[in-house]
PDB file of N, CA and C in Angstrom:
ATOM      1  N   UNK A   1       0.847  -1.175   0.000  1.00  0.00           N
ATOM      2  CA  UNK A   1       0.000   0.000   0.000  1.00  0.00           C
ATOM      3  C   UNK A   1       0.895   1.241   0.000  1.00  0.00           C
ATOM      4  N   UNK A   2       0.576   2.223  -0.867  1.00  0.00           N
ATOM      5  CA  UNK A   2       1.386   3.443  -0.895  1.00  0.00           C
ATOM      6  C   UNK A   2       1.375   4.167   0.447  1.00  0.00           C
ATOM      7  N   UNK A   3       2.478   4.806   0.764  1.00  0.00           N
ATOM      8  CA  UNK A   3       2.625   5.499   2.051  1.00  0.00           C
ATOM      9  C   UNK A   3       1.558   6.573   2.246  1.00  0.00           C
ATOM     10  N   UNK A   4       1.168   7.263   1.173  1.00  0.00           N
ATOM     11  CA  UNK A   4       0.164   8.322   1.310  1.00  0.00           C
ATOM     12  C   UNK A   4      -1.180   7.753   1.764  1.00  0.00           C
ATOM     13  N   UNK A   5      -1.536   6.581   1.289  1.00  0.00           N
ATOM     14  CA  UNK A   5      -2.801   5.959   1.700  1.00  0.00           C
ATOM     15  C   UNK A   5      -2.728   5.548   3.166  1.00  0.00           C
ATOM     16  N   UNK A   6      -1.601   5.030   3.577  1.00  0.00           N
ATOM     17  CA  UNK A   6      -1.432   4.677   4.987  1.00  0.00           C
ATOM     18  C   UNK A   6      -1.536   5.921   5.859  1.00  0.00           C
ATOM     19  N   UNK A   7      -0.956   7.026   5.401  1.00  0.00           N
ATOM     20  CA  UNK A   7      -1.032   8.281   6.161  1.00  0.00           C
ATOM     21  C   UNK A   7      -2.472   8.771   6.247  1.00  0.00           C
ATOM     22  N   UNK A   8      -3.217   8.668   5.156  1.00  0.00           N
ATOM     23  CA  UNK A   8      -4.626   9.079   5.156  1.00  0.00           C
ATOM     24  C   UNK A   8      -5.420   8.228   6.135  1.00  0.00           C
ATOM     25  N   UNK A   9      -5.160   6.944   6.152  1.00  0.00           N
ATOM     26  CA  UNK A   9      -5.874   6.053   7.070  1.00  0.00           C
ATOM     27  C   UNK A   9      -5.640   6.413   8.534  1.00  0.00           C
ATOM     28  N   UNK A  10      -4.514   7.038   8.836  1.00  0.00           N
ATOM     29  CA  UNK A  10      -4.206   7.424  10.215  1.00  0.00           C
ATOM     30  C   UNK A  10      -4.762   8.794  10.592  1.00  0.00           C
ATOM     31  N   UNK A  11      -5.255   9.551   9.617  1.00  0.00           N
ATOM     32  CA  UNK A  11      -5.747  10.903   9.871  1.00  0.00           C
ATOM     33  C   UNK A  11      -7.076  10.895  10.619  1.00  0.00           C
ATOM     34  N   UNK A  12      -7.296  11.976  11.352  1.00  0.00           N
ATOM     35  CA  UNK A  12      -8.611  12.185  11.955  1.00  0.00           C
ATOM     36  C   UNK A  12      -9.567  12.653  10.848  1.00  0.00           C
ATOM     37  N   UNK A  13     -10.847  12.648  11.149  1.00  0.00           N
ATOM     38  CA  UNK A  13     -11.826  13.121  10.169  1.00  0.00           C
ATOM     39  C   UNK A  13     -11.545  14.565   9.801  1.00  0.00           C
ATOM     40  N   UNK A  14     -11.237  15.388  10.788  1.00  0.00           N
ATOM     41  CA  UNK A  14     -10.937  16.793  10.528  1.00  0.00           C
ATOM     42  C   UNK A  14      -9.723  16.940   9.609  1.00  0.00           C
ATOM     43  N   UNK A  15      -8.699  16.164   9.847  1.00  0.00           N
ATOM     44  CA  UNK A  15      -7.503  16.214   8.999  1.00  0.00           C
ATOM     45  C   UNK A  15      -7.831  15.765   7.572  1.00  0.00           C
ATOM     46  N   UNK A  16      -8.691  14.783   7.434  1.00  0.00           N
ATOM     47  CA  UNK A  16      -9.085  14.321   6.097  1.00  0.00           C
ATOM     48  C   UNK A  16      -9.827  15.419   5.346  1.00  0.00           C
ATOM     49  N   UNK A  17     -10.753  16.125   6.021  1.00  0.00           N
ATOM     50  CA  UNK A  17     -11.460  17.229   5.368  1.00  0.00           C
ATOM     51  C   UNK A  17     -10.497  18.348   4.993  1.00  0.00           C
ATOM     52  N   UNK A  18      -9.565  18.668   5.876  1.00  0.00           N
ATOM     53  CA  UNK A  18      -8.561  19.686   5.565  1.00  0.00           C
ATOM     54  C   UNK A  18      -7.743  19.286   4.347  1.00  0.00           C
ATOM     55  N   UNK A  19      -7.398  18.015   4.270  1.00  0.00           N
ATOM     56  CA  UNK A  19      -6.612  17.516   3.141  1.00  0.00           C
ATOM     57  C   UNK A  19      -7.421  17.591   1.849  1.00  0.00           C
ATOM     58  N   UNK A  20      -8.699  17.202   1.911  1.00  0.00           N
ATOM     59  CA  UNK A  20      -9.549  17.292   0.716  1.00  0.00           C
ATOM     60  C   UNK A  20      -9.663  18.736   0.242  1.00  0.00           C
ATOM     61  N   UNK A  21      -9.867  19.669   1.186  1.00  0.00           N
ATOM     62  CA  UNK A  21      -9.960  21.079   0.813  1.00  0.00           C
ATOM     63  C   UNK A  21      -8.668  21.555   0.162  1.00  0.00           C
ATOM     64  N   UNK A  22      -7.543  21.130   0.706  1.00  0.00           N
ATOM     65  CA  UNK A  22      -6.255  21.505   0.124  1.00  0.00           C
ATOM     66  C   UNK A  22      -6.125  20.950  -1.300  1.00  0.00           C
ATOM     67  N   UNK A  23      -6.489  19.674  -1.481  1.00  0.00           N
ATOM     68  CA  UNK A  23      -6.380  19.058  -2.805  1.00  0.00           C
ATOM     69  C   UNK A  23      -7.261  19.769  -3.829  1.00  0.00           C
ATOM     70  N   UNK A  24      -8.522  20.070  -3.456  1.00  0.00           N
ATOM     71  CA  UNK A  24      -9.419  20.766  -4.384  1.00  0.00           C
ATOM     72  C   UNK A  24      -8.865  22.146  -4.722  1.00  0.00           C
ATOM     73  N   UNK A  25      -8.354  22.865  -3.734  1.00  0.00           N
ATOM     74  CA  UNK A  25      -7.780  24.190  -3.984  1.00  0.00           C
ATOM     75  C   UNK A  25      -6.578  24.090  -4.914  1.00  0.00           C
ATOM     76  N   UNK A  26      -5.764  23.089  -4.688  1.00  0.00           N
ATOM     77  CA  UNK A  26      -4.581  22.889  -5.516  1.00  0.00           C
ATOM     78  C   UNK A  26      -4.972  22.558  -6.957  1.00  0.00           C
ATOM     79  N   UNK A  27      -5.966  21.700  -7.121  1.00  0.00           N
ATOM     80  CA  UNK A  27      -6.427  21.355  -8.467  1.00  0.00           C
ATOM     81  C   UNK A  27      -7.029  22.572  -9.167  1.00  0.00           C
ATOM     82  N   UNK A  28      -7.842  23.327  -8.441  1.00  0.00           N
ATOM     83  CA  UNK A  28      -8.482  24.504  -9.028  1.00  0.00           C
ATOM     84  C   UNK A  28      -7.441  25.548  -9.439  1.00  0.00           C
ATOM     85  N   UNK A  29      -6.393  25.685  -8.649  1.00  0.00           N
ATOM     86  CA  UNK A  29      -5.351  26.666  -8.938  1.00  0.00           C
ATOM     87  C   UNK A  29      -4.496  26.274 -10.144  1.00  0.00           C
ATOM     88  N   UNK A  30      -4.527  24.999 -10.503  1.00  0.00           N
ATOM     89  CA  UNK A  30      -3.692  24.531 -11.611  1.00  0.00           C
ATOM     90  C   UNK A  30      -4.165  25.078 -12.948  1.00  0.00           C
ATOM     91  N   UNK A  31      -5.444  25.491 -13.021  1.00  0.00           N
ATOM     92  CA  UNK A  31      -5.971  26.016 -14.273  1.00  0.00           C
ATOM     93  C   UNK A  31      -6.370  24.937 -15.260  1.00  0.00           C
ATOM     94  N   UNK A  32      -6.146  23.692 -14.903  1.00  0.00           N
ATOM     95  CA  UNK A  32      -6.541  22.601 -15.791  1.00  0.00           C
ATOM     96  C   UNK A  32      -8.058  22.461 -15.800  1.00  0.00           C
ATOM     97  N   UNK A  33      -8.588  21.975 -16.907  1.00  0.00           N
ATOM     98  CA  UNK A  33     -10.012  21.690 -16.982  1.00  0.00           C
ATOM     99  C   UNK A  33     -10.250  20.400 -16.203  1.00  0.00           C
ATOM    100  N   UNK A  34     -10.971  20.494 -15.091  1.00  0.00           N
ATOM    101  CA  UNK A  34     -11.148  19.350 -14.207  1.00  0.00           C
ATOM    102  C   UNK A  34     -12.315  18.457 -14.604  1.00  0.00           C
ATOM    103  N   UNK A  35     -13.158  18.926 -15.515  1.00  0.00           N
ATOM    104  CA  UNK A  35     -14.326  18.141 -15.903  1.00  0.00           C
ATOM    105  C   UNK A  35     -14.081  17.461 -17.240  1.00  0.00           C
ATOM    106  N   UNK A  36     -14.495  16.195 -17.337  1.00  0.00           N
ATOM    107  CA  UNK A  36     -14.389  15.523 -18.634  1.00  0.00           C
ATOM    108  C   UNK A  36     -15.415  16.099 -19.613  1.00  0.00           C
ATOM    109  N   UNK A  37     -15.204  15.890 -20.891  1.00  0.00           N
ATOM    110  CA  UNK A  37     -16.082  16.438 -21.931  1.00  0.00           C
ATOM    111  C   UNK A  37     -17.530  16.007 -21.740  1.00  0.00           C
ATOM    112  N   UNK A  38     -17.760  14.755 -21.333  1.00  0.00           N
ATOM    113  CA  UNK A  38     -19.139  14.287 -21.174  1.00  0.00           C
ATOM    114  C   UNK A  38     -19.863  15.073 -20.091  1.00  0.00           C
ATOM    115  N   UNK A  39     -19.127  15.502 -19.060  1.00  0.00           N
ATOM    116  CA  UNK A  39     -19.739  16.264 -17.976  1.00  0.00           C
ATOM    117  C   UNK A  39     -20.155  17.649 -18.473  1.00  0.00           C
ATOM    118  N   UNK A  40     -19.298  18.296 -19.248  1.00  0.00           N
ATOM    119  CA  UNK A  40     -19.640  19.593 -19.828  1.00  0.00           C
ATOM    120  C   UNK A  40     -20.883  19.461 -20.698  1.00  0.00           C
ATOM    121  N   UNK A  41     -20.965  18.388 -21.470  1.00  0.00           N
ATOM    122  CA  UNK A  41     -22.125  18.150 -22.335  1.00  0.00           C
ATOM    123  C   UNK A  41     -23.406  18.029 -21.499  1.00  0.00           C
ATOM    124  N   UNK A  42     -23.348  17.301 -20.387  1.00  0.00           N
ATOM    125  CA  UNK A  42     -24.516  17.157 -19.507  1.00  0.00           C
ATOM    126  C   UNK A  42     -24.909  18.489 -18.883  1.00  0.00           C
ATOM    127  N   UNK A  43     -23.923  19.296 -18.490  1.00  0.00           N
ATOM    128  CA  UNK A  43     -24.218  20.621 -17.944  1.00  0.00           C
ATOM    129  C   UNK A  43     -24.925  21.495 -18.980  1.00  0.00           C
ATOM    130  N   UNK A  44     -24.481  21.417 -20.218  1.00  0.00           N
ATOM    131  CA  UNK A  44     -25.111  22.192 -21.289  1.00  0.00           C
ATOM    132  C   UNK A  44     -26.538  21.730 -21.536  1.00  0.00           C
ATOM    133  N   UNK A  45     -26.775  20.418 -21.497  1.00  0.00           N
ATOM    134  CA  UNK A  45     -28.136  19.902 -21.678  1.00  0.00           C
ATOM    135  C   UNK A  45     -29.047  20.372 -20.548  1.00  0.00           C
ATOM    136  N   UNK A  46     -28.534  20.368 -19.319  1.00  0.00           N
ATOM    137  CA  UNK A  46     -29.323  20.835 -18.179  1.00  0.00           C
ATOM    138  C   UNK A  46     -29.635  22.316 -18.329  1.00  0.00           C
ATOM    139  N   UNK A  47     -28.644  23.107 -18.704  1.00  0.00           N
ATOM    140  CA  UNK A  47     -28.853  24.549 -18.896  1.00  0.00           C
ATOM    141  C   UNK A  47     -29.909  24.801 -19.964  1.00  0.00           C
ATOM    142  N   UNK A  48     -29.913  24.011 -21.024  1.00  0.00           N
ATOM    143  CA  UNK A  48     -30.913  24.169 -22.087  1.00  0.00           C
ATOM    144  C   UNK A  48     -32.311  23.839 -21.570  1.00  0.00           C
ATOM    145  N   UNK A  49     -32.420  22.784 -20.738  1.00  0.00           N
ATOM    146  CA  UNK A  49     -33.740  22.439 -20.175  1.00  0.00           C
ATOM    147  C   UNK A  49     -34.249  23.550 -19.263  1.00  0.00           C
ATOM    148  N   UNK A  50     -33.363  24.136 -18.480  1.00  0.00           N
ATOM    149  CA  UNK A  50     -33.749  25.238 -17.590  1.00  0.00           C
ATOM    150  C   UNK A  50     -34.163  26.451 -18.422  1.00  0.00           C
ATOM    151  N   UNK A  51     -33.384  26.776 -19.441  1.00  0.00           N
ATOM    152  CA  UNK A  51     -33.683  27.935 -20.285  1.00  0.00           C
ATOM    153  C   UNK A  51     -35.012  27.792 -21.012  1.00  0.00           C
ATOM    154  N   UNK A  52     -35.370  26.555 -21.362  1.00  0.00           N
ATOM    155  CA  UNK A  52     -36.625  26.333 -22.088  1.00  0.00           C
ATOM    156  C   UNK A  52     -37.820  26.172 -21.160  1.00  0.00           C
ATOM    157  N   UNK A  53     -37.566  26.137 -19.860  1.00  0.00           N
ATOM    158  CA  UNK A  53     -38.656  26.006 -18.899  1.00  0.00           C
ATOM    159  C   UNK A  53     -39.064  24.571 -18.602  1.00  0.00           C
ATOM    160  N   UNK A  54     -38.401  23.600 -19.215  1.00  0.00           N
ATOM    161  CA  UNK A  54     -38.713  22.186 -18.982  1.00  0.00           C
ATOM    162  C   UNK A  54     -38.323  21.783 -17.565  1.00  0.00           C
ATOM    163  N   UNK A  55     -37.272  22.369 -17.076  1.00  0.00           N
ATOM    164  CA  UNK A  55     -36.731  22.032 -15.764  1.00  0.00           C
ATOM    165  C   UNK A  55     -36.507  23.329 -14.991  1.00  0.00           C
ATOM    166  N   UNK A  56     -36.688  23.259 -13.685  1.00  0.00           N
ATOM    167  CA  UNK A  56     -36.407  24.447 -12.884  1.00  0.00           C
ATOM    168  C   UNK A  56     -35.548  24.051 -11.687  1.00  0.00           C
ATOM    169  N   UNK A  57     -34.642  24.919 -11.305  1.00  0.00           N
ATOM    170  CA  UNK A  57     -33.801  24.619 -10.140  1.00  0.00           C
ATOM    171  C   UNK A  57     -34.622  24.680  -8.854  1.00  0.00           C
ATOM    172  N   UNK A  58     -34.201  23.905  -7.874  1.00  0.00           N
ATOM    173  CA  UNK A  58     -34.814  23.953  -6.555  1.00  0.00           C
ATOM    174  C   UNK A  58     -33.706  24.117  -5.528  1.00  0.00           C
ATOM    175  N   UNK A  59     -34.039  24.633  -4.339  1.00  0.00           N
ATOM    176  CA  UNK A  59     -33.005  24.783  -3.313  1.00  0.00           C
ATOM    177  C   UNK A  59     -32.384  23.431  -2.932  1.00  0.00           C
ATOM    178  N   UNK A  60     -31.113  23.460  -2.596  1.00  0.00           N
ATOM    179  CA  UNK A  60     -30.388  22.240  -2.245  1.00  0.00           C
ATOM    180  C   UNK A  60     -31.063  21.516  -1.082  1.00  0.00           C
ATOM    181  N   UNK A  61     -31.563  22.257  -0.109  1.00  0.00           N
ATOM    182  CA  UNK A  61     -32.236  21.637   1.034  1.00  0.00           C
ATOM    183  C   UNK A  61     -33.434  20.807   0.566  1.00  0.00           C
ATOM    184  N   UNK A  62     -34.220  21.334  -0.351  1.00  0.00           N
ATOM    185  CA  UNK A  62     -35.373  20.607  -0.883  1.00  0.00           C
ATOM    186  C   UNK A  62     -34.923  19.379  -1.682  1.00  0.00           C
ATOM    187  N   UNK A  63     -33.853  19.525  -2.450  1.00  0.00           N
ATOM    188  CA  UNK A  63     -33.345  18.389  -3.220  1.00  0.00           C
ATOM    189  C   UNK A  63     -32.911  17.254  -2.301  1.00  0.00           C
ATOM    190  N   UNK A  64     -32.238  17.603  -1.198  1.00  0.00           N
ATOM    191  CA  UNK A  64     -31.798  16.555  -0.254  1.00  0.00           C
ATOM    192  C   UNK A  64     -33.002  15.835   0.338  1.00  0.00           C
ATOM    193  N   UNK A  65     -34.059  16.575   0.639  1.00  0.00           N
ATOM    194  CA  UNK A  65     -35.259  15.940   1.208  1.00  0.00           C
ATOM    195  C   UNK A  65     -35.886  14.981   0.196  1.00  0.00           C
ATOM    196  N   UNK A  66     -35.914  15.378  -1.078  1.00  0.00           N
ATOM    197  CA  UNK A  66     -36.451  14.503  -2.129  1.00  0.00           C
ATOM    198  C   UNK A  66     -35.603  13.244  -2.235  1.00  0.00           C
ATOM    199  N   UNK A  67     -34.293  13.420  -2.252  1.00  0.00           N
ATOM    200  CA  UNK A  67     -33.377  12.278  -2.374  1.00  0.00           C
ATOM    201  C   UNK A  67     -33.541  11.329  -1.189  1.00  0.00           C
ATOM    202  N   UNK A  68     -33.580  11.893   0.007  1.00  0.00           N
ATOM    203  CA  UNK A  68     -33.733  11.060   1.207  1.00  0.00           C
ATOM    204  C   UNK A  68     -35.061  10.310   1.208  1.00  0.00           C
ATOM    205  N   UNK A  69     -36.097  10.928   0.681  1.00  0.00           N
ATOM    206  CA  UNK A  69     -37.406  10.291   0.617  1.00  0.00           C
ATOM    207  C   UNK A  69     -37.472   9.144  -0.366  1.00  0.00           C
ATOM    208  N   UNK A  70     -36.512   9.081  -1.289  1.00  0.00           N
ATOM    209  CA  UNK A  70     -36.509   8.027  -2.311  1.00  0.00           C
ATOM    210  C   UNK A  70     -35.949   6.717  -1.782  1.00  0.00           C
ATOM    211  N   UNK A  71     -35.387   6.735  -0.576  1.00  0.00           N
ATOM    212  CA  UNK A  71     -34.755   5.523  -0.056  1.00  0.00           C
ATOM    213  C   UNK A  71     -35.446   5.010   1.165  1.00  0.00           C
TER     214      UNK A  71
END
């Protein structure tokens, strides 16, 4: 097992969240496109549905309640 994975396994939950935040910040700062082409295509399809009125955004809190109710 790589040493970094062993180190992660020894981290507290707080340290793991701090590490994730650092990694995301580092990736975002790189300027690289982090999304694959298929993801951009799906975002564009969603934006088109919203623009045409077929779909409407809802608050995240409401979405979580819908998702939780499905299980």
